[in-house]
Protein backbone atom coordinates (compact mmCIF):
# COMPACT_ATOMS: atom_id res chain seq x y z
CA MET A 1 -34.89 17.88 117.93
CA GLY A 2 -33.63 16.75 121.38
CA VAL A 3 -30.16 15.58 122.20
CA THR A 4 -29.91 11.86 122.81
CA THR A 5 -27.60 10.90 125.61
CA ARG A 6 -25.70 7.69 125.41
CA PRO A 7 -24.63 5.83 128.54
CA ALA A 8 -20.89 6.14 129.10
CA GLY A 9 -18.94 2.93 128.93
CA ARG A 10 -17.07 0.50 126.77
CA GLY A 11 -18.49 -2.20 124.59
CA ILE A 12 -18.29 -5.88 125.37
CA GLY A 13 -15.33 -6.40 123.01
CA ALA A 14 -13.30 -3.71 124.75
CA LEU A 15 -14.26 -5.13 128.15
CA SER A 16 -13.19 -8.57 126.98
CA LYS A 17 -9.85 -7.26 125.78
CA ARG A 18 -9.25 -5.25 128.96
CA THR A 19 -10.07 -8.11 131.34
CA GLY A 20 -8.95 -11.09 129.27
CA CYS A 21 -12.40 -12.60 129.71
CA ASN A 22 -14.09 -14.17 126.69
CA VAL A 23 -17.11 -12.29 125.28
CA GLU A 24 -19.36 -15.34 125.62
CA THR A 25 -18.26 -15.76 129.23
CA ILE A 26 -19.17 -12.13 129.96
CA ARG A 27 -22.61 -12.71 128.46
CA TYR A 28 -22.96 -15.91 130.50
CA TYR A 29 -22.03 -14.14 133.75
CA GLU A 30 -24.63 -11.50 132.95
CA ARG A 31 -27.25 -14.16 132.15
CA ILE A 32 -26.70 -16.00 135.47
CA GLY A 33 -26.67 -12.77 137.47
CA LEU A 34 -23.01 -12.50 138.46
CA LEU A 35 -22.78 -9.33 136.38
CA PRO A 36 -25.68 -6.89 136.38
CA ALA A 37 -27.53 -6.33 133.13
CA ALA A 38 -25.46 -3.94 131.06
CA ALA A 39 -26.62 -0.50 130.03
CA ARG A 40 -27.37 -0.31 126.33
CA SER A 41 -26.36 2.16 123.66
CA ASP A 42 -28.94 3.74 121.41
CA GLY A 43 -28.13 0.93 118.97
CA GLY A 44 -28.71 -1.75 121.62
CA HIS A 45 -25.05 -2.62 122.24
CA ARG A 46 -24.00 -3.53 125.77
CA LEU A 47 -22.00 -0.83 127.55
CA TYR A 48 -19.88 -1.48 130.62
CA GLY A 49 -18.35 1.02 133.02
CA GLU A 50 -15.51 0.81 135.50
CA ALA A 51 -17.68 -0.87 138.17
CA GLU A 52 -18.55 -3.73 135.82
CA SER A 53 -14.92 -4.03 134.77
CA ARG A 54 -13.80 -4.31 138.41
CA ARG A 55 -16.54 -6.83 139.18
CA LEU A 56 -15.61 -8.93 136.16
CA GLY A 57 -11.96 -8.80 137.28
CA PHE A 58 -13.04 -10.06 140.71
CA ILE A 59 -15.04 -12.90 139.15
CA ARG A 60 -12.19 -13.84 136.85
CA ARG A 61 -9.63 -13.90 139.68
CA THR A 62 -11.86 -16.02 141.92
CA ARG A 63 -12.50 -18.46 139.07
CA GLU A 64 -8.75 -18.66 138.32
CA LEU A 65 -8.28 -19.64 141.97
CA GLY A 66 -10.82 -22.41 141.50
CA PHE A 67 -13.77 -20.97 143.40
CA THR A 68 -17.05 -22.42 142.16
CA LEU A 69 -19.72 -20.19 140.65
CA ASP A 70 -21.78 -20.69 143.81
CA GLN A 71 -18.87 -19.59 145.98
CA VAL A 72 -18.32 -16.55 143.74
CA ARG A 73 -22.03 -15.74 143.97
CA THR A 74 -21.87 -15.99 147.77
CA LEU A 75 -18.84 -13.70 147.95
CA LEU A 76 -20.49 -11.17 145.65
CA LYS A 77 -23.70 -11.21 147.70
CA LEU A 78 -21.64 -10.43 150.79
CA VAL A 79 -19.89 -7.57 149.00
CA ASP A 80 -23.09 -6.28 147.41
CA GLY A 81 -24.81 -6.20 150.78
CA GLY A 82 -21.93 -4.18 152.17
CA ARG A 83 -22.23 -5.97 155.49
CA TYR A 84 -19.63 -8.68 155.14
CA THR A 85 -17.01 -9.50 157.70
CA CYS A 86 -13.52 -10.77 157.16
CA ALA A 87 -14.54 -13.85 159.18
CA GLN A 88 -17.28 -14.70 156.64
CA VAL A 89 -14.87 -14.37 153.73
CA LYS A 90 -12.23 -16.38 155.58
CA ARG A 91 -14.70 -19.22 156.25
CA ILE A 92 -15.49 -19.49 152.52
CA THR A 93 -11.80 -19.26 151.61
CA VAL A 94 -10.69 -21.88 154.13
CA HIS A 95 -13.42 -24.25 152.95
CA HIS A 96 -12.19 -23.79 149.38
CA LEU A 97 -8.58 -24.27 150.49
CA ASP A 98 -9.54 -27.59 152.10
CA GLU A 99 -11.13 -28.68 148.81
CA VAL A 100 -8.00 -27.67 146.89
CA ARG A 101 -5.80 -29.63 149.29
CA ARG A 102 -7.98 -32.74 148.80
CA LYS A 103 -7.70 -32.37 145.03
CA VAL A 104 -3.91 -31.95 145.24
CA ALA A 105 -3.66 -35.13 147.32
CA ASP A 106 -5.80 -36.96 144.73
CA LEU A 107 -3.62 -35.64 141.91
CA ARG A 108 -0.47 -36.85 143.69
CA LYS A 109 -1.99 -40.35 143.94
CA ILE A 110 -2.86 -40.24 140.23
CA GLU A 111 0.68 -39.07 139.44
CA ARG A 112 2.20 -42.01 141.35
CA VAL A 113 -0.04 -44.56 139.62
CA LEU A 114 0.65 -43.11 136.16
CA ALA A 115 4.40 -43.01 136.83
CA GLU A 116 4.34 -46.66 137.93
CA MET A 117 2.38 -47.67 134.85
CA ALA A 118 4.64 -45.70 132.50
CA ALA A 119 7.77 -47.20 134.12
CA GLN A 120 6.50 -50.70 133.25
CA CYS A 121 6.20 -49.81 129.56
CA ASP A 122 9.27 -50.21 127.34
CA GLY A 123 7.69 -48.28 124.47
CA GLY A 124 8.04 -51.22 122.09
CA THR A 125 6.27 -51.69 118.78
CA VAL A 126 4.33 -54.87 119.59
CA PRO A 127 0.64 -54.55 120.45
CA LYS A 128 1.24 -55.60 124.05
CA CYS A 129 1.48 -52.80 126.56
CA PRO A 130 1.66 -52.95 130.36
CA VAL A 131 -0.17 -49.61 130.61
CA ILE A 132 -3.19 -50.96 128.71
CA ASP A 133 -3.03 -54.18 130.74
CA ALA A 134 -2.93 -52.21 133.99
CA LEU A 135 -5.89 -50.08 132.93
CA PHE A 136 -7.96 -53.15 132.09
CA ASP A 137 -6.88 -54.84 135.34
CA ARG A 138 -7.88 -51.80 137.43
CA VAL A 139 -11.32 -51.66 135.81
CA ALA A 140 -11.92 -55.37 136.41
CA ARG A 141 -11.14 -55.12 140.16
């Protein structure tokens, strides 16, 4: 009877706990190719090593910073190819930063409009509300 070797690594639950990434999200990243297909135990359970843990950490950090999945994929392709330059990474990062700045500007406009609408409302108990009126007026314009 031969000795069966089992790939070294941690299961998906342990990887989830270590990285703070949801199990279903890990499976999704594997399904869309951001994470390579995991090695399997003799029982068919996914097993992840340190490389997968680091890669998942990278993906999680980029997503927390608002990078899109396509941007993450592009960054990973650069890293995987081993021929990336700092200039390439900077170009992607600056493009993302510009998008973030546009979103922040939009959020500030939304904040001003909501503050103006809320200031017009006295919080009374009658079914007449300047906020509702303003929302209907904005839609009609």
